[in-house]
PDB file of N, CA and C in Angstrom:
ATOM      1  N   MET A   1     166.200 120.265-149.710  1.00  0.00           N
ATOM      2  CA  MET A   1     167.080 119.375-150.400  1.00  0.00           C
ATOM      3  C   MET A   1     167.934 118.313-149.642  1.00  0.00           C
ATOM      4  N   VAL A   2     167.467 117.606-149.418  1.00  0.00           N
ATOM      5  CA  VAL A   2     167.963 116.689-148.630  1.00  0.00           C
ATOM      6  C   VAL A   2     168.871 115.579-149.937  1.00  0.00           C
ATOM      7  N   ASN A   3     170.091 115.443-149.024  1.00  0.00           N
ATOM      8  CA  ASN A   3     171.122 114.540-149.351  1.00  0.00           C
ATOM      9  C   ASN A   3     171.029 113.400-150.085  1.00  0.00           C
ATOM     10  N   GLU A   4     170.723 112.606-151.309  1.00  0.00           N
ATOM     11  CA  GLU A   4     170.541 111.782-151.315  1.00  0.00           C
ATOM     12  C   GLU A   4     171.557 110.894-150.832  1.00  0.00           C
ATOM     13  N   SER A   5     172.979 111.272-151.053  1.00  0.00           N
ATOM     14  CA  SER A   5     174.028 110.016-150.763  1.00  0.00           C
ATOM     15  C   SER A   5     174.142 110.180-149.454  1.00  0.00           C
ATOM     16  N   SER A   6     173.417 109.180-148.546  1.00  0.00           N
ATOM     17  CA  SER A   6     174.303 108.950-146.832  1.00  0.00           C
ATOM     18  C   SER A   6     175.387 107.948-146.923  1.00  0.00           C
ATOM     19  N   ASP A   7     176.142 107.079-147.661  1.00  0.00           N
ATOM     20  CA  ASP A   7     177.273 106.108-147.863  1.00  0.00           C
ATOM     21  C   ASP A   7     178.726 107.328-148.124  1.00  0.00           C
ATOM     22  N   GLN A   8     179.153 107.888-147.279  1.00  0.00           N
ATOM     23  CA  GLN A   8     180.377 108.936-147.571  1.00  0.00           C
ATOM     24  C   GLN A   8     181.395 108.231-146.723  1.00  0.00           C
ATOM     25  N   GLY A   9     181.636 107.198-146.549  1.00  0.00           N
ATOM     26  CA  GLY A   9     182.415 106.286-145.715  1.00  0.00           C
ATOM     27  C   GLY A   9     182.581 106.948-144.373  1.00  0.00           C
ATOM     28  N   GLY A  10     181.203 106.591-144.331  1.00  0.00           N
ATOM     29  CA  GLY A  10     181.588 107.028-142.131  1.00  0.00           C
ATOM     30  C   GLY A  10     180.986 108.331-141.948  1.00  0.00           C
ATOM     31  N   GLN A  11     181.484 109.217-142.868  1.00  0.00           N
ATOM     32  CA  GLN A  11     181.101 110.605-142.508  1.00  0.00           C
ATOM     33  C   GLN A  11     179.059 110.698-142.606  1.00  0.00           C
ATOM     34  N   PRO A  12     179.006 111.728-141.697  1.00  0.00           N
ATOM     35  CA  PRO A  12     177.688 112.037-142.154  1.00  0.00           C
ATOM     36  C   PRO A  12     177.634 113.216-143.680  1.00  0.00           C
ATOM     37  N   PRO A  13     175.932 113.117-143.931  1.00  0.00           N
ATOM     38  CA  PRO A  13     176.243 114.060-145.453  1.00  0.00           C
ATOM     39  C   PRO A  13     175.820 115.159-144.210  1.00  0.00           C
ATOM     40  N   ARG A  14     176.444 116.188-145.976  1.00  0.00           N
ATOM     41  CA  ARG A  14     176.192 117.403-145.218  1.00  0.00           C
ATOM     42  C   ARG A  14     174.871 118.151-145.810  1.00  0.00           C
ATOM     43  N   GLY A  15     174.662 118.710-144.610  1.00  0.00           N
ATOM     44  CA  GLY A  15     172.928 119.651-145.472  1.00  0.00           C
ATOM     45  C   GLY A  15     171.697 118.918-144.497  1.00  0.00           C
ATOM     46  N   ILE A  16     170.854 119.005-145.042  1.00  0.00           N
ATOM     47  CA  ILE A  16     169.346 119.238-144.498  1.00  0.00           C
ATOM     48  C   ILE A  16     169.250 117.779-143.928  1.00  0.00           C
ATOM     49  N   GLY A  17     169.867 116.837-144.415  1.00  0.00           N
ATOM     50  CA  GLY A  17     169.840 115.170-144.065  1.00  0.00           C
ATOM     51  C   GLY A  17     170.827 114.558-143.359  1.00  0.00           C
ATOM     52  N   SER A  18     172.149 115.638-142.716  1.00  0.00           N
ATOM     53  CA  SER A  18     172.444 115.400-141.362  1.00  0.00           C
ATOM     54  C   SER A  18     171.887 114.853-140.081  1.00  0.00           C
ATOM     55  N   PHE A  19     170.673 115.581-140.074  1.00  0.00           N
ATOM     56  CA  PHE A  19     170.199 115.345-139.034  1.00  0.00           C
ATOM     57  C   PHE A  19     169.396 113.789-138.947  1.00  0.00           C
ATOM     58  N   ALA A  20     169.237 113.313-140.373  1.00  0.00           N
ATOM     59  CA  ALA A  20     168.447 112.258-140.192  1.00  0.00           C
ATOM     60  C   ALA A  20     169.010 111.192-140.274  1.00  0.00           C
ATOM     61  N   TRP A  21     170.421 111.680-140.751  1.00  0.00           N
ATOM     62  CA  TRP A  21     171.590 110.348-140.415  1.00  0.00           C
ATOM     63  C   TRP A  21     171.925 110.597-139.168  1.00  0.00           C
ATOM     64  N   LEU A  22     172.053 111.126-138.234  1.00  0.00           N
ATOM     65  CA  LEU A  22     172.103 110.745-136.991  1.00  0.00           C
ATOM     66  C   LEU A  22     171.180 110.456-136.210  1.00  0.00           C
ATOM     67  N   ILE A  23     170.253 110.910-136.429  1.00  0.00           N
ATOM     68  CA  ILE A  23     168.775 110.223-135.808  1.00  0.00           C
ATOM     69  C   ILE A  23     168.864 108.562-135.990  1.00  0.00           C
ATOM     70  N   GLU A  24     169.255 108.106-137.610  1.00  0.00           N
ATOM     71  CA  GLU A  24     169.304 106.484-137.697  1.00  0.00           C
ATOM     72  C   GLU A  24     170.561 106.243-137.177  1.00  0.00           C
ATOM     73  N   ALA A  25     171.620 106.950-136.854  1.00  0.00           N
ATOM     74  CA  ALA A  25     173.148 105.971-136.524  1.00  0.00           C
ATOM     75  C   ALA A  25     172.547 105.847-134.761  1.00  0.00           C
ATOM     76  N   TYR A  26     171.966 106.784-134.283  1.00  0.00           N
ATOM     77  CA  TYR A  26     171.577 106.179-132.791  1.00  0.00           C
ATOM     78  C   TYR A  26     170.431 105.412-133.127  1.00  0.00           C
ATOM     79  N   GLY A  27     169.622 104.964-133.860  1.00  0.00           N
ATOM     80  CA  GLY A  27     168.983 104.223-133.831  1.00  0.00           C
ATOM     81  C   GLY A  27     169.198 102.543-133.523  1.00  0.00           C
ATOM     82  N   GLN A  28     170.185 102.336-134.613  1.00  0.00           N
ATOM     83  CA  GLN A  28     171.353 101.727-134.908  1.00  0.00           C
ATOM     84  C   GLN A  28     172.450 101.296-133.907  1.00  0.00           C
ATOM     85  N   ALA A  29     172.706 102.203-133.319  1.00  0.00           N
ATOM     86  CA  ALA A  29     173.390 101.879-131.971  1.00  0.00           C
ATOM     87  C   ALA A  29     172.527 101.664-130.910  1.00  0.00           C
ATOM     88  N   ILE A  30     171.323 102.175-130.999  1.00  0.00           N
ATOM     89  CA  ILE A  30     170.844 101.208-129.640  1.00  0.00           C
ATOM     90  C   ILE A  30     169.837 100.344-129.915  1.00  0.00           C
ATOM     91  N   ALA A  31     169.696  99.362-131.285  1.00  0.00           N
ATOM     92  CA  ALA A  31     169.890  98.597-131.457  1.00  0.00           C
ATOM     93  C   ALA A  31     170.716  97.369-131.359  1.00  0.00           C
ATOM     94  N   LEU A  32     171.945  97.928-131.587  1.00  0.00           N
ATOM     95  CA  LEU A  32     172.940  96.969-131.322  1.00  0.00           C
ATOM     96  C   LEU A  32     173.367  96.708-129.694  1.00  0.00           C
ATOM     97  N   LEU A  33     172.696  98.277-128.818  1.00  0.00           N
ATOM     98  CA  LEU A  33     172.812  98.226-127.397  1.00  0.00           C
ATOM     99  C   LEU A  33     171.845  96.420-126.874  1.00  0.00           C
ATOM    100  N   GLU A  34     170.572  97.124-127.509  1.00  0.00           N
ATOM    101  CA  GLU A  34     169.690  95.860-127.191  1.00  0.00           C
ATOM    102  C   GLU A  34     169.582  94.401-127.580  1.00  0.00           C
ATOM    103  N   ASN A  35     170.674  94.480-128.680  1.00  0.00           N
ATOM    104  CA  ASN A  35     171.090  92.505-129.190  1.00  0.00           C
ATOM    105  C   ASN A  35     171.703  92.264-128.090  1.00  0.00           C
ATOM    106  N   GLN A  36     172.638  93.001-127.463  1.00  0.00           N
ATOM    107  CA  GLN A  36     173.845  92.631-126.744  1.00  0.00           C
ATOM    108  C   GLN A  36     173.062  92.496-125.644  1.00  0.00           C
ATOM    109  N   ALA A  37     172.343  93.395-124.968  1.00  0.00           N
ATOM    110  CA  ALA A  37     171.713  93.279-123.812  1.00  0.00           C
ATOM    111  C   ALA A  37     170.892  91.672-123.611  1.00  0.00           C
ATOM    112  N   ALA A  38     170.402  91.583-124.535  1.00  0.00           N
ATOM    113  CA  ALA A  38     169.748  90.332-124.806  1.00  0.00           C
ATOM    114  C   ALA A  38     170.647  89.218-124.621  1.00  0.00           C
ATOM    115  N   GLN A  39     171.838  89.334-125.700  1.00  0.00           N
ATOM    116  CA  GLN A  39     172.529  88.135-125.665  1.00  0.00           C
ATOM    117  C   GLN A  39     173.260  88.097-124.489  1.00  0.00           C
ATOM    118  N   ILE A  40     173.606  89.373-123.754  1.00  0.00           N
ATOM    119  CA  ILE A  40     173.830  89.089-122.280  1.00  0.00           C
ATOM    120  C   ILE A  40     172.806  88.283-120.989  1.00  0.00           C
ATOM    121  N   GLU A  41     171.794  88.844-121.281  1.00  0.00           N
ATOM    122  CA  GLU A  41     170.522  88.234-120.653  1.00  0.00           C
ATOM    123  C   GLU A  41     170.453  86.901-121.098  1.00  0.00           C
ATOM    124  N   THR A  42     170.753  85.926-122.004  1.00  0.00           N
ATOM    125  CA  THR A  42     170.612  84.919-122.468  1.00  0.00           C
ATOM    126  C   THR A  42     171.810  83.858-121.580  1.00  0.00           C
ATOM    127  N   LEU A  43     172.730  84.566-121.689  1.00  0.00           N
ATOM    128  CA  LEU A  43     174.290  83.867-120.914  1.00  0.00           C
ATOM    129  C   LEU A  43     173.919  84.055-119.748  1.00  0.00           C
ATOM    130  N   GLU A  44     173.689  85.082-119.351  1.00  0.00           N
ATOM    131  CA  GLU A  44     173.544  84.562-117.535  1.00  0.00           C
ATOM    132  C   GLU A  44     172.500  83.545-117.555  1.00  0.00           C
ATOM    133  N   ARG A  45     171.331  83.865-118.099  1.00  0.00           N
ATOM    134  CA  ARG A  45     170.315  82.657-117.837  1.00  0.00           C
ATOM    135  C   ARG A  45     171.404  81.264-117.683  1.00  0.00           C
ATOM    136  N   GLU A  46     172.132  80.939-118.755  1.00  0.00           N
ATOM    137  CA  GLU A  46     172.212  79.812-118.861  1.00  0.00           C
ATOM    138  C   GLU A  46     173.780  79.476-117.831  1.00  0.00           C
ATOM    139  N   LYS A  47     174.383  80.635-117.492  1.00  0.00           N
ATOM    140  CA  LYS A  47     174.868  80.255-116.842  1.00  0.00           C
ATOM    141  C   LYS A  47     174.281  79.864-115.068  1.00  0.00           C
ATOM    142  N   ASP A  48     173.311  80.314-115.142  1.00  0.00           N
ATOM    143  CA  ASP A  48     172.426  80.404-113.357  1.00  0.00           C
ATOM    144  C   ASP A  48     171.820  78.329-113.860  1.00  0.00           C
ATOM    145  N   HIS A  49     171.707  78.591-115.040  1.00  0.00           N
ATOM    146  CA  HIS A  49     170.789  76.941-115.247  1.00  0.00           C
ATOM    147  C   HIS A  49     172.699  76.036-114.841  1.00  0.00           C
ATOM    148  N   LEU A  50     173.373  76.055-115.328  1.00  0.00           N
ATOM    149  CA  LEU A  50     174.497  75.164-115.174  1.00  0.00           C
ATOM    150  C   LEU A  50     174.789  75.424-113.875  1.00  0.00           C
ATOM    151  N   ALA A  51     174.931  76.492-113.210  1.00  0.00           N
ATOM    152  CA  ALA A  51     174.985  76.589-111.569  1.00  0.00           C
ATOM    153  C   ALA A  51     174.142  75.908-111.076  1.00  0.00           C
ATOM    154  N   ASN A  52     172.653  76.061-111.360  1.00  0.00           N
ATOM    155  CA  ASN A  52     171.427  75.367-110.766  1.00  0.00           C
ATOM    156  C   ASN A  52     172.636  73.398-110.719  1.00  0.00           C
ATOM    157  N   GLN A  53     172.240  73.166-111.910  1.00  0.00           N
ATOM    158  CA  GLN A  53     173.110  71.220-112.538  1.00  0.00           C
ATOM    159  C   GLN A  53     174.146  71.074-111.429  1.00  0.00           C
ATOM    160  N   TYR A  54     175.218  72.059-111.564  1.00  0.00           N
ATOM    161  CA  TYR A  54     176.171  72.108-110.383  1.00  0.00           C
ATOM    162  C   TYR A  54     175.789  71.377-108.897  1.00  0.00           C
ATOM    163  N   ARG A  55     175.026  72.351-108.599  1.00  0.00           N
ATOM    164  CA  ARG A  55     174.779  72.563-107.282  1.00  0.00           C
ATOM    165  C   ARG A  55     174.369  70.879-107.149  1.00  0.00           C
ATOM    166  N   GLU A  56     172.931  70.747-107.795  1.00  0.00           N
ATOM    167  CA  GLU A  56     172.429  69.266-107.745  1.00  0.00           C
ATOM    168  C   GLU A  56     173.288  68.053-108.004  1.00  0.00           C
ATOM    169  N   ALA A  57     174.082  68.469-108.915  1.00  0.00           N
ATOM    170  CA  ALA A  57     175.092  67.175-108.650  1.00  0.00           C
ATOM    171  C   ALA A  57     176.073  67.253-107.780  1.00  0.00           C
ATOM    172  N   LEU A  58     176.492  68.491-107.347  1.00  0.00           N
ATOM    173  CA  LEU A  58     177.407  68.126-106.176  1.00  0.00           C
ATOM    174  C   LEU A  58     176.372  67.271-104.885  1.00  0.00           C
ATOM    175  N   GLN A  59     175.373  67.674-104.638  1.00  0.00           N
ATOM    176  CA  GLN A  59     174.393  67.550-103.494  1.00  0.00           C
ATOM    177  C   GLN A  59     173.988  66.453-103.353  1.00  0.00           C
ATOM    178  N   GLN A  60     173.826  65.682-104.685  1.00  0.00           N
ATOM    179  CA  GLN A  60     173.935  64.360-105.384  1.00  0.00           C
ATOM    180  C   GLN A  60     175.135  63.439-104.824  1.00  0.00           C
ATOM    181  N   TYR A  61     176.657  63.973-105.381  1.00  0.00           N
ATOM    182  CA  TYR A  61     177.375  63.490-104.834  1.00  0.00           C
ATOM    183  C   TYR A  61     177.630  62.840-103.482  1.00  0.00           C
ATOM    184  N   HIS A  62     177.714  64.352-102.785  1.00  0.00           N
ATOM    185  CA  HIS A  62     177.673  64.340-101.252  1.00  0.00           C
ATOM    186  C   HIS A  62     176.495  62.988-100.709  1.00  0.00           C
ATOM    187  N   GLN A  63     175.137  62.860-100.725  1.00  0.00           N
ATOM    188  CA  GLN A  63     174.189  61.962-100.354  1.00  0.00           C
ATOM    189  C   GLN A  63     175.022  60.696-101.233  1.00  0.00           C
ATOM    190  N   LEU A  64     175.665  60.564-101.816  1.00  0.00           N
ATOM    191  CA  LEU A  64     176.217  59.238-102.367  1.00  0.00           C
ATOM    192  C   LEU A  64     177.132  58.946-101.504  1.00  0.00           C
ATOM    193  N   LYS A  65     178.112  59.844-101.286  1.00  0.00           N
ATOM    194  CA  LYS A  65     179.219  59.632-100.411  1.00  0.00           C
ATOM    195  C   LYS A  65     179.018  59.239 -99.471  1.00  0.00           C
ATOM    196  N   GLU A  66     177.711  59.608 -98.433  1.00  0.00           N
ATOM    197  CA  GLU A  66     177.058  59.750 -97.088  1.00  0.00           C
ATOM    198  C   GLU A  66     176.988  58.038 -97.055  1.00  0.00           C
ATOM    199  N   GLN A  67     176.067  57.911 -98.238  1.00  0.00           N
ATOM    200  CA  GLN A  67     175.681  56.364 -98.352  1.00  0.00           C
ATOM    201  C   GLN A  67     176.712  55.532 -98.435  1.00  0.00           C
ATOM    202  N   TYR A  68     177.466  55.770 -99.413  1.00  0.00           N
ATOM    203  CA  TYR A  68     178.996  54.617 -99.099  1.00  0.00           C
ATOM    204  C   TYR A  68     179.132  54.581 -97.752  1.00  0.00           C
ATOM    205  N   ASP A  69     179.670  55.683 -97.442  1.00  0.00           N
ATOM    206  CA  ASP A  69     180.930  55.769 -96.038  1.00  0.00           C
ATOM    207  C   ASP A  69     179.927  54.579 -94.908  1.00  0.00           C
ATOM    208  N   HIS A  70     178.656  55.103 -94.701  1.00  0.00           N
ATOM    209  CA  HIS A  70     177.840  54.110 -94.132  1.00  0.00           C
ATOM    210  C   HIS A  70     177.894  52.858 -94.373  1.00  0.00           C
ATOM    211  N   GLN A  71     177.684  52.263 -95.574  1.00  0.00           N
ATOM    212  CA  GLN A  71     177.793  51.193 -95.873  1.00  0.00           C
ATOM    213  C   GLN A  71     179.285  50.521 -95.486  1.00  0.00           C
ATOM    214  N   TYR A  72     180.281  51.559 -95.868  1.00  0.00           N
ATOM    215  CA  TYR A  72     181.132  50.840 -95.436  1.00  0.00           C
ATOM    216  C   TYR A  72     181.340  50.771 -94.100  1.00  0.00           C
ATOM    217  N   SER A  73     180.897  51.342 -93.678  1.00  0.00           N
ATOM    218  CA  SER A  73     181.353  51.034 -91.832  1.00  0.00           C
ATOM    219  C   SER A  73     180.455  49.936 -91.397  1.00  0.00           C
ATOM    220  N   GLN A  74     179.710  49.906 -91.749  1.00  0.00           N
ATOM    221  CA  GLN A  74     178.757  48.454 -91.337  1.00  0.00           C
ATOM    222  C   GLN A  74     179.579  47.143 -92.079  1.00  0.00           C
ATOM    223  N   GLN A  75     179.935  47.464 -93.217  1.00  0.00           N
ATOM    224  CA  GLN A  75     180.815  46.057 -93.363  1.00  0.00           C
ATOM    225  C   GLN A  75     182.091  45.645 -92.650  1.00  0.00           C
ATOM    226  N   TYR A  76     182.665  47.136 -93.166  1.00  0.00           N
ATOM    227  CA  TYR A  76     183.875  46.960 -91.757  1.00  0.00           C
ATOM    228  C   TYR A  76     183.649  46.233 -90.136  1.00  0.00           C
ATOM    229  N   GLN A  77     182.454  46.963 -89.787  1.00  0.00           N
ATOM    230  CA  GLN A  77     182.198  46.006 -88.316  1.00  0.00           C
ATOM    231  C   GLN A  77     181.843  45.040 -88.427  1.00  0.00           C
ATOM    232  N   GLU A  78     180.769  44.794 -89.680  1.00  0.00           N
ATOM    233  CA  GLU A  78     180.731  43.216 -89.704  1.00  0.00           C
ATOM    234  C   GLU A  78     181.657  41.982 -89.818  1.00  0.00           C
ATOM    235  N   TYR A  79     182.899  42.841 -90.763  1.00  0.00           N
ATOM    236  CA  TYR A  79     184.009  42.366 -90.794  1.00  0.00           C
ATOM    237  C   TYR A  79     184.649  41.863 -89.564  1.00  0.00           C
ATOM    238  N   PHE A  80     185.457  42.769 -88.565  1.00  0.00           N
ATOM    239  CA  PHE A  80     185.650  42.587 -87.101  1.00  0.00           C
ATOM    240  C   PHE A  80     184.999  41.708 -86.358  1.00  0.00           C
ATOM    241  N   SER A  81     183.662  41.389 -86.562  1.00  0.00           N
ATOM    242  CA  SER A  81     182.655  41.070 -85.364  1.00  0.00           C
ATOM    243  C   SER A  81     182.803  39.415 -86.162  1.00  0.00           C
ATOM    244  N   LEU A  82     183.496  38.849 -87.412  1.00  0.00           N
ATOM    245  CA  LEU A  82     183.167  37.619 -87.714  1.00  0.00           C
ATOM    246  C   LEU A  82     183.937  37.078 -86.741  1.00  0.00           C
ATOM    247  N   PRO A  83     183.234  35.727 -85.862  1.00  0.00           N
ATOM    248  CA  PRO A  83     184.281  34.749 -85.188  1.00  0.00           C
ATOM    249  C   PRO A  83     185.437  34.311 -85.556  1.00  0.00           C
ATOM    250  N   LEU A  84     185.002  33.912 -86.976  1.00  0.00           N
ATOM    251  CA  LEU A  84     185.983  33.400 -88.151  1.00  0.00           C
ATOM    252  C   LEU A  84     187.448  34.033 -88.236  1.00  0.00           C
ATOM    253  N   PRO A  85     188.530  33.415 -88.050  1.00  0.00           N
ATOM    254  CA  PRO A  85     189.622  34.368 -88.754  1.00  0.00           C
ATOM    255  C   PRO A  85     189.483  34.682 -90.112  1.00  0.00           C
ATOM    256  N   CYS A  86     189.480  36.002 -90.187  1.00  0.00           N
ATOM    257  CA  CYS A  86     189.689  36.396 -92.019  1.00  0.00           C
ATOM    258  C   CYS A  86     191.000  37.370 -91.960  1.00  0.00           C
ATOM    259  N   TYR A  87     191.296  36.928 -93.167  1.00  0.00           N
ATOM    260  CA  TYR A  87     192.803  37.988 -93.763  1.00  0.00           C
ATOM    261  C   TYR A  87     192.397  38.616 -95.164  1.00  0.00           C
ATOM    262  N   ARG A  88     192.809  39.573 -95.457  1.00  0.00           N
ATOM    263  CA  ARG A  88     192.736  40.378 -96.344  1.00  0.00           C
ATOM    264  C   ARG A  88     194.390  40.857 -96.959  1.00  0.00           C
ATOM    265  N   TRP A  89     194.083  40.043 -98.164  1.00  0.00           N
ATOM    266  CA  TRP A  89     195.744  39.762 -98.714  1.00  0.00           C
ATOM    267  C   TRP A  89     195.652  41.196-100.056  1.00  0.00           C
ATOM    268  N   GLN A  90     196.758  41.169-100.168  1.00  0.00           N
ATOM    269  CA  GLN A  90     196.953  42.295-101.321  1.00  0.00           C
ATOM    270  C   GLN A  90     198.148  41.892-102.506  1.00  0.00           C
ATOM    271  N   ALA A  91     198.124  41.293-104.039  1.00  0.00           N
ATOM    272  CA  ALA A  91     198.949  40.896-104.571  1.00  0.00           C
ATOM    273  C   ALA A  91     199.812  42.357-105.160  1.00  0.00           C
ATOM    274  N   ILE A  92     200.482  42.376-105.041  1.00  0.00           N
ATOM    275  CA  ILE A  92     201.481  43.426-105.397  1.00  0.00           C
ATOM    276  C   ILE A  92     202.978  42.514-105.983  1.00  0.00           C
ATOM    277  N   GLU A  93     202.561  42.700-107.845  1.00  0.00           N
ATOM    278  CA  GLU A  93     203.920  42.393-108.433  1.00  0.00           C
ATOM    279  C   GLU A  93     203.883  41.320-108.230  1.00  0.00           C
ATOM    280  N   GLY A  94     202.870  40.401-108.332  1.00  0.00           N
ATOM    281  CA  GLY A  94     203.069  38.481-108.399  1.00  0.00           C
ATOM    282  C   GLY A  94     203.284  38.147-106.925  1.00  0.00           C
ATOM    283  N   GLU A  95     203.507  39.060-106.070  1.00  0.00           N
ATOM    284  CA  GLU A  95     203.577  38.696-104.588  1.00  0.00           C
ATOM    285  C   GLU A  95     202.556  38.980-103.727  1.00  0.00           C
ATOM    286  N   LEU A  96     202.333  38.274-102.460  1.00  0.00           N
ATOM    287  CA  LEU A  96     201.043  38.398-101.822  1.00  0.00           C
ATOM    288  C   LEU A  96     200.964  39.007-100.503  1.00  0.00           C
ATOM    289  N   TYR A  97     200.824  40.456 -99.884  1.00  0.00           N
ATOM    290  CA  TYR A  97     200.991  40.848 -98.934  1.00  0.00           C
ATOM    291  C   TYR A  97     199.893  40.791 -98.090  1.00  0.00           C
ATOM    292  N   LEU A  98     199.929  40.779 -96.373  1.00  0.00           N
ATOM    293  CA  LEU A  98     199.014  40.614 -95.816  1.00  0.00           C
ATOM    294  C   LEU A  98     198.400  42.098 -95.577  1.00  0.00           C
ATOM    295  N   SER A  99     197.171  42.632 -95.918  1.00  0.00           N
ATOM    296  CA  SER A  99     196.749  43.976 -95.715  1.00  0.00           C
ATOM    297  C   SER A  99     195.882  44.537 -94.468  1.00  0.00           C
ATOM    298  N   ASP A 100     194.936  43.398 -94.006  1.00  0.00           N
ATOM    299  CA  ASP A 100     194.799  43.550 -92.561  1.00  0.00           C
ATOM    300  C   ASP A 100     193.982  42.120 -92.357  1.00  0.00           C
ATOM    301  N   PHE A 101     193.427  41.916 -91.292  1.00  0.00           N
ATOM    302  CA  PHE A 101     193.246  40.743 -90.508  1.00  0.00           C
ATOM    303  C   PHE A 101     191.914  41.099 -89.001  1.00  0.00           C
ATOM    304  N   ASN A 102     190.888  40.423 -89.203  1.00  0.00           N
ATOM    305  CA  ASN A 102     189.966  40.968 -88.195  1.00  0.00           C
ATOM    306  C   ASN A 102     190.376  40.240 -86.576  1.00  0.00           C
ATOM    307  N   PRO A 103     189.951  40.714 -85.215  1.00  0.00           N
ATOM    308  CA  PRO A 103     190.119  40.352 -84.370  1.00  0.00           C
ATOM    309  C   PRO A 103     190.541  38.495 -83.984  1.00  0.00           C
ATOM    310  N   ALA A 104     189.208  37.798 -84.824  1.00  0.00           N
ATOM    311  CA  ALA A 104     189.708  36.803 -84.370  1.00  0.00           C
ATOM    312  C   ALA A 104     191.112  36.061 -85.271  1.00  0.00           C
ATOM    313  N   ALA A 105     191.281  36.496 -86.608  1.00  0.00           N
ATOM    314  CA  ALA A 105     192.646  35.930 -86.834  1.00  0.00           C
ATOM    315  C   ALA A 105     193.552  36.563 -86.091  1.00  0.00           C
ATOM    316  N   ALA A 106     193.593  37.537 -85.001  1.00  0.00           N
ATOM    317  CA  ALA A 106     194.623  38.100 -84.446  1.00  0.00           C
ATOM    318  C   ALA A 106     194.746  37.081 -83.398  1.00  0.00           C
ATOM    319  N   ARG A 107     193.242  36.812 -82.448  1.00  0.00           N
ATOM    320  CA  ARG A 107     193.273  35.917 -82.094  1.00  0.00           C
ATOM    321  C   ARG A 107     194.129  34.105 -82.029  1.00  0.00           C
ATOM    322  N   PHE A 108     193.709  34.015 -83.506  1.00  0.00           N
ATOM    323  CA  PHE A 108     193.896  32.448 -84.059  1.00  0.00           C
ATOM    324  C   PHE A 108     195.612  32.749 -84.165  1.00  0.00           C
ATOM    325  N   ASN A 109     195.963  34.211 -84.563  1.00  0.00           N
ATOM    326  CA  ASN A 109     197.858  33.791 -85.037  1.00  0.00           C
ATOM    327  C   ASN A 109     198.203  33.522 -83.173  1.00  0.00           C
ATOM    328  N   SER A 110     197.682  34.213 -82.636  1.00  0.00           N
ATOM    329  CA  SER A 110     198.214  34.035 -81.023  1.00  0.00           C
ATOM    330  C   SER A 110     198.903  33.454 -80.325  1.00  0.00           C
ATOM    331  N   GLN A 111     197.331  32.218 -80.824  1.00  0.00           N
ATOM    332  CA  GLN A 111     197.346  30.921 -80.175  1.00  0.00           C
ATOM    333  C   GLN A 111     198.220  30.279 -80.680  1.00  0.00           C
ATOM    334  N   ALA A 112     198.311  29.831 -82.050  1.00  0.00           N
ATOM    335  CA  ALA A 112     199.172  29.261 -82.819  1.00  0.00           C
ATOM    336  C   ALA A 112     200.552  29.575 -82.690  1.00  0.00           C
ATOM    337  N   LEU A 113     200.992  30.949 -82.444  1.00  0.00           N
ATOM    338  CA  LEU A 113     202.500  31.630 -81.949  1.00  0.00           C
ATOM    339  C   LEU A 113     202.610  30.452 -80.839  1.00  0.00           C
ATOM    340  N   GLN A 114     201.730  30.291 -79.675  1.00  0.00           N
ATOM    341  CA  GLN A 114     202.035  30.350 -78.418  1.00  0.00           C
ATOM    342  C   GLN A 114     202.009  28.536 -78.068  1.00  0.00           C
ATOM    343  N   GLN A 115     201.041  28.088 -79.258  1.00  0.00           N
ATOM    344  CA  GLN A 115     201.368  26.416 -79.335  1.00  0.00           C
ATOM    345  C   GLN A 115     203.039  26.418 -80.324  1.00  0.00           C
TER     346      GLN A 115
END
C-alpha cells in the first residue's frame, strides 16, 4: 500500500511511500546543488574573463602612457633647444600669465634688460 498523497505540507507521507518520498527529496536537493554549482561556475568564468579584460586594458593604458611621456619629453626638449625665444602663456579669467619660456627667451630677456 503506497500512500498516494505526497503533498502534506512538506511532511513525508506515512507508510511504505515515505522512503520513496525521502529519495525524491534527496534527488531534488542534489539537482538544486548541481544547478547552483553550474551557476557558480558560470560566474567564475565571467569573473575571470572580466579580470583578463581589465588586465589587458591596464596594460594598454601603461603602454599608451609610456608613449605619451616619451613624446612629451621629446617635444619639451625640442622646445627648449629652439634658437628662437618661445613663451608659453596661459589665460586665466581674461588675463594672460607667463607660464613657461625656453632658454633662448631667457637670454633674450636678460639681453633686453641689460640694454
